[in-house]
N, C-alpha and C. Protein backbone atom coordinates (compact mmCIF):
# COMPACT_ATOMS: atom_id res chain seq x y z
N MET A 1 -6.70 11.38 32.25
CA MET A 1 -7.41 10.51 31.88
C MET A 1 -9.84 11.41 32.50
N LEU A 2 -9.95 10.90 31.92
CA LEU A 2 -11.34 11.65 31.74
C LEU A 2 -12.52 11.19 33.39
N ILE A 3 -13.11 11.14 33.42
CA ILE A 3 -13.79 10.69 35.07
C ILE A 3 -15.14 9.95 34.13
N LYS A 4 -16.19 8.91 34.95
CA LYS A 4 -16.33 7.34 33.33
C LYS A 4 -17.80 8.53 32.93
N GLU A 5 -18.25 9.50 34.24
CA GLU A 5 -19.41 9.67 33.17
C GLU A 5 -19.05 11.39 32.26
N GLU A 6 -17.66 11.14 32.06
CA GLU A 6 -17.35 11.60 30.24
C GLU A 6 -17.10 10.41 29.10
N GLN A 7 -16.86 9.61 29.89
CA GLN A 7 -16.04 8.22 29.59
C GLN A 7 -17.81 7.85 28.65
N ASP A 8 -18.44 8.09 29.61
CA ASP A 8 -20.03 8.01 29.12
C ASP A 8 -20.31 8.42 28.42
N LYS A 9 -20.22 9.25 28.05
CA LYS A 9 -20.66 9.87 27.04
C LYS A 9 -20.55 10.24 25.86
N ILE A 10 -19.31 9.59 25.56
CA ILE A 10 -17.87 9.58 24.47
C ILE A 10 -18.95 8.78 23.51
N ALA A 11 -18.49 8.19 24.09
CA ALA A 11 -18.72 6.77 24.10
C ALA A 11 -20.40 6.48 23.91
N LEU A 12 -21.03 6.68 24.45
CA LEU A 12 -22.61 6.91 23.93
C LEU A 12 -22.41 8.23 22.21
N HIS A 13 -21.97 8.93 22.43
CA HIS A 13 -21.76 9.27 21.16
C HIS A 13 -20.50 9.18 19.81
N PHE A 14 -20.01 8.09 19.73
CA PHE A 14 -19.27 7.28 18.71
C PHE A 14 -20.18 6.49 18.03
N ILE A 15 -20.73 5.30 19.13
CA ILE A 15 -21.72 4.47 19.23
C ILE A 15 -21.96 5.42 18.16
N ALA A 16 -23.27 6.07 19.05
CA ALA A 16 -25.00 6.68 18.04
C ALA A 16 -24.18 7.44 16.73
N GLY A 17 -22.83 7.90 16.36
CA GLY A 17 -22.53 7.98 14.85
C GLY A 17 -22.24 6.90 14.60
N PHE A 18 -21.49 5.57 15.11
CA PHE A 18 -21.27 4.00 13.86
C PHE A 18 -22.44 3.89 13.63
N LEU A 19 -23.51 3.17 14.48
CA LEU A 19 -24.85 3.09 14.29
C LEU A 19 -25.22 4.11 12.62
N ASN A 20 -25.11 5.73 12.78
CA ASN A 20 -25.60 6.33 12.01
C ASN A 20 -24.84 5.56 10.87
N SER A 21 -23.11 5.92 10.40
CA SER A 21 -23.59 5.39 9.77
C SER A 21 -23.05 4.12 8.70
N TYR A 22 -24.36 3.21 9.75
CA TYR A 22 -23.88 1.96 9.30
C TYR A 22 -25.12 1.85 8.43
N GLY A 23 -25.56 2.91 8.97
CA GLY A 23 -27.06 2.70 8.24
C GLY A 23 -28.40 1.92 8.69
N CYS A 24 -28.37 1.50 9.75
CA CYS A 24 -29.27 0.68 10.47
C CYS A 24 -29.83 1.47 10.53
N ASN A 25 -31.33 0.07 10.11
CA ASN A 25 -32.93 1.01 10.31
C ASN A 25 -34.41 -0.47 11.33
N SER A 26 -33.23 -0.86 11.56
CA SER A 26 -34.15 -1.89 12.04
C SER A 26 -33.53 -2.83 13.45
N LEU A 27 -33.93 -3.07 14.61
CA LEU A 27 -33.73 -3.34 15.60
C LEU A 27 -32.45 -4.60 15.28
N ASP A 28 -32.81 -5.55 15.07
CA ASP A 28 -31.99 -6.18 13.45
C ASP A 28 -30.49 -5.56 13.17
N ASP A 29 -30.36 -4.71 12.10
CA ASP A 29 -29.65 -4.37 11.97
C ASP A 29 -27.94 -3.37 13.34
N VAL A 30 -28.93 -2.88 14.21
CA VAL A 30 -28.37 -2.64 14.74
C VAL A 30 -27.19 -3.81 16.29
N ASP A 31 -27.87 -4.66 16.39
CA ASP A 31 -28.05 -5.72 16.49
C ASP A 31 -26.06 -6.94 16.32
N GLY A 32 -26.87 -6.37 14.98
CA GLY A 32 -25.45 -7.34 13.76
C GLY A 32 -24.28 -6.16 13.79
N ALA A 33 -24.69 -4.32 13.42
CA ALA A 33 -23.41 -3.48 13.70
C ALA A 33 -23.05 -3.60 14.40
N LEU A 34 -24.11 -3.62 15.72
CA LEU A 34 -22.69 -3.34 17.28
C LEU A 34 -21.74 -4.15 17.55
N GLN A 35 -22.64 -6.24 16.77
CA GLN A 35 -21.92 -7.49 17.35
C GLN A 35 -19.46 -7.56 15.93
N HIS A 36 -20.92 -6.10 15.37
CA HIS A 36 -19.31 -6.10 14.26
C HIS A 36 -18.35 -5.49 14.76
N LEU A 37 -18.56 -4.26 15.81
CA LEU A 37 -18.14 -3.18 16.13
C LEU A 37 -16.79 -4.24 17.94
N ILE A 38 -17.88 -5.01 17.73
CA ILE A 38 -17.66 -5.59 19.38
C ILE A 38 -16.38 -6.30 18.47
N ASP A 39 -16.62 -7.35 17.93
CA ASP A 39 -15.82 -7.73 16.95
C ASP A 39 -14.34 -7.26 16.88
N THR A 40 -14.68 -6.16 16.45
CA THR A 40 -13.67 -5.66 15.71
C THR A 40 -12.94 -4.95 16.79
N ALA A 41 -13.49 -4.54 18.06
CA ALA A 41 -12.59 -3.75 18.96
C ALA A 41 -11.86 -5.21 19.86
N LYS A 42 -13.03 -6.43 20.11
CA LYS A 42 -11.36 -7.48 20.51
C LYS A 42 -10.00 -8.04 19.80
N VAL A 43 -10.77 -7.61 18.47
CA VAL A 43 -9.21 -7.50 17.77
C VAL A 43 -8.31 -6.96 17.43
N THR A 44 -8.90 -5.56 17.90
CA THR A 44 -7.98 -5.10 18.04
C THR A 44 -7.51 -3.92 19.60
N GLN A 45 -7.60 -4.22 20.23
CA GLN A 45 -7.39 -4.84 21.46
C GLN A 45 -5.94 -5.85 21.36
N SER A 46 -6.31 -7.15 21.22
CA SER A 46 -5.21 -7.85 20.67
C SER A 46 -4.73 -7.79 19.87
N GLN A 47 -4.16 -6.54 19.43
CA GLN A 47 -2.81 -5.94 18.45
C GLN A 47 -2.63 -5.95 19.26
N TYR A 48 -3.04 -4.44 19.68
CA TYR A 48 -2.58 -3.81 20.88
C TYR A 48 -1.47 -4.18 22.01
N ARG A 49 -2.12 -5.42 22.40
CA ARG A 49 -1.45 -6.43 23.40
C ARG A 49 0.20 -6.82 22.61
N ASN A 50 -0.38 -6.99 21.76
CA ASN A 50 0.89 -8.10 21.00
C ASN A 50 1.33 -7.11 19.76
N GLY A 51 1.51 -5.73 19.95
CA GLY A 51 2.30 -4.78 19.35
C GLY A 51 1.90 -4.68 17.94
N THR A 52 1.11 -5.61 17.96
CA THR A 52 0.25 -5.35 16.08
C THR A 52 0.09 -4.74 16.11
N ALA A 53 -0.76 -3.99 16.47
CA ALA A 53 -1.27 -2.56 15.73
C ALA A 53 -0.71 -1.41 15.12
N GLU A 54 -1.57 -1.43 14.04
CA GLU A 54 -1.44 -0.04 13.52
C GLU A 54 -1.64 1.16 14.07
N LYS A 55 -1.71 2.61 14.23
CA LYS A 55 -1.83 3.19 13.64
C LYS A 55 -3.03 4.27 13.17
N ALA A 56 -4.26 4.50 15.01
CA ALA A 56 -5.20 4.83 13.74
C ALA A 56 -5.75 6.31 12.98
N THR A 57 -6.33 5.12 12.52
CA THR A 57 -6.35 6.94 11.04
C THR A 57 -7.80 7.23 11.16
N SER A 58 -8.34 8.62 11.24
CA SER A 58 -9.36 8.87 10.58
C SER A 58 -9.88 8.95 8.95
N ILE A 59 -11.43 7.88 9.36
CA ILE A 59 -11.82 8.71 7.76
C ILE A 59 -12.93 9.40 7.67
N ASN A 60 -12.27 10.65 6.63
CA ASN A 60 -14.27 10.75 6.75
C ASN A 60 -15.18 11.35 5.35
């Protein structure tokens, strides 16, 4: 497993990419996008705990 600093760097990279893809143009956009990401992450976490998560796929 990666050390915390490496995990943080990777997470920030992916969050920045998500915000860019989301098309954020203002702080309100960033707030909404991050809330969407948090909500989706909570659902995904719950699905993994319940064994109902679908296999992750990448979209390009």
